Amino acid sequence: MTLSASATQVIEVAQAAAAGRRAFSFVVQSGIILIAILGFWYLILLNSIATRGFDLQGLKSDRIALQQELEQADIRLAIPSSLYALGASEQVQEMATVDRRNFIDVRQGELAMVGMGKGF
């Protein structure tokens, strides 16, 4: 059985098309595998970033708590020293003790004045 020249050409074209389909199939399969690998890698990196964010948030809350504790300690240290300094002041020690206290109500925008040499 002999094939004509056109039949041989048809077979060659069909074989070339089949080879092209195999090459295209290989490229598609390789692309799908590459996309799957990159997607998995992306998920790992995203998880790592999220975990670091939670760790950072915890450290920030710890820092705020320590700052508040430091401020409270500063206040506890400042109160006794300021009262001691006030009591030890010569100007305060030279003041007379007041037996009778009078308070003046001053409304907003008004001034309270005491005359020279005059008491209440």
Protein backbone atom coordinates (compact mmCIF):
# COMPACT_ATOMS: atom_id res chain seq x y z
CA MET A 1 0.00 0.00 0.00
CA THR A 2 1.51 3.23 -1.06
CA LEU A 3 0.55 6.62 0.20
CA SER A 4 0.41 9.57 -2.02
CA ALA A 5 2.50 12.67 -1.41
CA SER A 6 -0.48 14.58 -0.04
CA ALA A 7 -1.29 11.83 2.47
CA THR A 8 2.32 11.85 3.68
CA GLN A 9 2.14 15.62 4.11
CA VAL A 10 -1.11 15.29 6.06
CA ILE A 11 0.52 12.75 8.40
CA GLU A 12 3.54 14.99 8.90
CA VAL A 13 1.31 17.98 9.66
CA ALA A 14 -0.73 15.88 12.12
CA GLN A 15 2.46 14.70 13.85
CA ALA A 16 3.75 18.27 14.06
CA ALA A 17 0.41 19.42 15.52
CA ALA A 18 0.53 16.59 18.06
CA ALA A 19 4.07 17.61 19.05
CA GLY A 20 2.89 21.22 19.40
CA ARG A 21 -0.03 20.13 21.60
CA ARG A 22 2.35 18.13 23.79
CA ALA A 23 4.65 21.15 24.16
CA PHE A 24 1.67 23.41 24.97
CA SER A 25 0.38 20.88 27.49
CA PHE A 26 3.80 20.77 29.14
CA VAL A 27 3.91 24.58 29.39
CA VAL A 28 0.39 24.69 30.88
CA GLN A 29 1.18 21.96 33.41
CA SER A 30 4.46 23.65 34.36
CA GLY A 31 2.61 26.97 34.77
CA ILE A 32 -0.02 25.40 37.01
CA ILE A 33 2.65 23.79 39.20
CA LEU A 34 4.59 27.08 39.39
CA ILE A 35 1.44 29.01 40.36
CA ALA A 36 0.64 26.45 43.06
CA ILE A 37 4.17 26.66 44.49
CA LEU A 38 4.13 30.48 44.45
CA GLY A 39 0.67 30.53 46.07
CA PHE A 40 1.86 28.26 48.87
CA TRP A 41 4.95 30.44 49.37
CA TYR A 42 2.72 33.56 49.48
CA LEU A 43 0.54 31.99 52.19
CA ILE A 44 3.60 31.14 54.28
CA LEU A 45 4.90 34.72 54.02
CA LEU A 46 1.48 36.19 54.79
CA ASN A 47 1.18 33.99 57.88
CA SER A 48 4.65 35.09 59.02
CA ILE A 49 3.74 38.77 58.65
CA ALA A 50 0.47 38.32 60.55
CA THR A 51 2.26 36.52 63.38
CA ARG A 52 4.82 39.32 63.65
CA GLY A 53 1.97 41.84 63.75
CA PHE A 54 0.42 40.09 66.75
CA ASP A 55 3.81 39.96 68.47
CA LEU A 56 4.33 43.67 67.80
CA GLN A 57 0.89 44.52 69.21
CA GLY A 58 1.73 42.60 72.39
CA LEU A 59 5.04 44.46 72.74
CA LYS A 60 3.27 47.80 72.26
CA SER A 61 0.78 47.04 75.03
CA ASP A 62 3.65 45.96 77.31
CA ARG A 63 5.48 49.21 76.55
CA ILE A 64 2.39 51.30 77.37
CA ALA A 65 1.92 49.46 80.66
CA LEU A 66 5.58 50.03 81.59
CA GLN A 67 5.31 53.74 80.72
CA GLN A 68 2.27 54.12 82.95
CA GLU A 69 4.03 52.30 85.76
CA LEU A 70 7.07 54.58 85.36
CA GLU A 71 4.88 57.70 85.46
CA GLN A 72 3.20 56.47 88.66
CA ALA A 73 6.60 55.79 90.24
CA ASP A 74 7.78 59.28 89.24
CA ILE A 75 4.70 60.81 90.86
CA ARG A 76 5.18 58.75 94.05
CA LEU A 77 8.80 59.98 94.24
CA ALA A 78 7.99 63.59 93.39
CA ILE A 79 5.23 64.15 95.99
CA PRO A 80 7.31 63.58 99.16
CA SER A 81 10.30 65.51 97.85
CA SER A 82 8.18 68.49 96.79
CA LEU A 83 6.31 68.59 100.13
CA TYR A 84 9.63 68.31 102.00
CA ALA A 85 11.15 71.12 99.93
CA LEU A 86 8.09 73.29 100.52
CA GLY A 87 8.16 72.67 104.26
CA ALA A 88 11.90 73.29 104.47
CA SER A 89 11.67 76.60 102.62
CA GLU A 90 12.70 79.64 104.73
CA GLN A 91 9.87 81.68 103.30
CA VAL A 92 7.29 79.11 104.41
CA GLN A 93 8.88 78.71 107.85
CA GLU A 94 8.76 82.50 108.42
CA MET A 95 5.01 82.65 107.70
CA ALA A 96 2.62 83.14 110.56
CA THR A 97 0.10 80.47 111.40
CA VAL A 98 -3.42 81.51 110.42
CA ASP A 99 -6.11 80.88 113.00
CA ARG A 100 -9.05 82.39 111.16
CA ARG A 101 -9.46 81.78 107.46
CA ASN A 102 -11.68 83.89 105.23
CA PHE A 103 -12.44 82.95 101.67
CA ILE A 104 -13.61 85.33 98.96
CA ASP A 105 -15.86 84.21 96.12
CA VAL A 106 -14.58 85.71 92.89
CA ARG A 107 -16.71 85.39 89.80
CA GLN A 108 -15.27 84.98 86.35
CA GLY A 109 -13.89 88.27 85.04
CA GLU A 110 -13.77 89.96 88.49
CA LEU A 111 -10.73 90.72 90.61
CA ALA A 112 -10.31 90.38 94.38
CA MET A 113 -8.27 93.08 96.11
CA VAL A 114 -7.38 93.79 99.70
CA GLY A 115 -6.47 97.31 100.72
CA MET A 116 -2.96 98.10 101.89
CA GLY A 117 -2.59 97.52 105.59
CA LYS A 118 -6.21 96.57 105.97
CA GLY A 119 -7.40 93.11 106.79
CA PHE A 120 -10.61 91.48 105.85
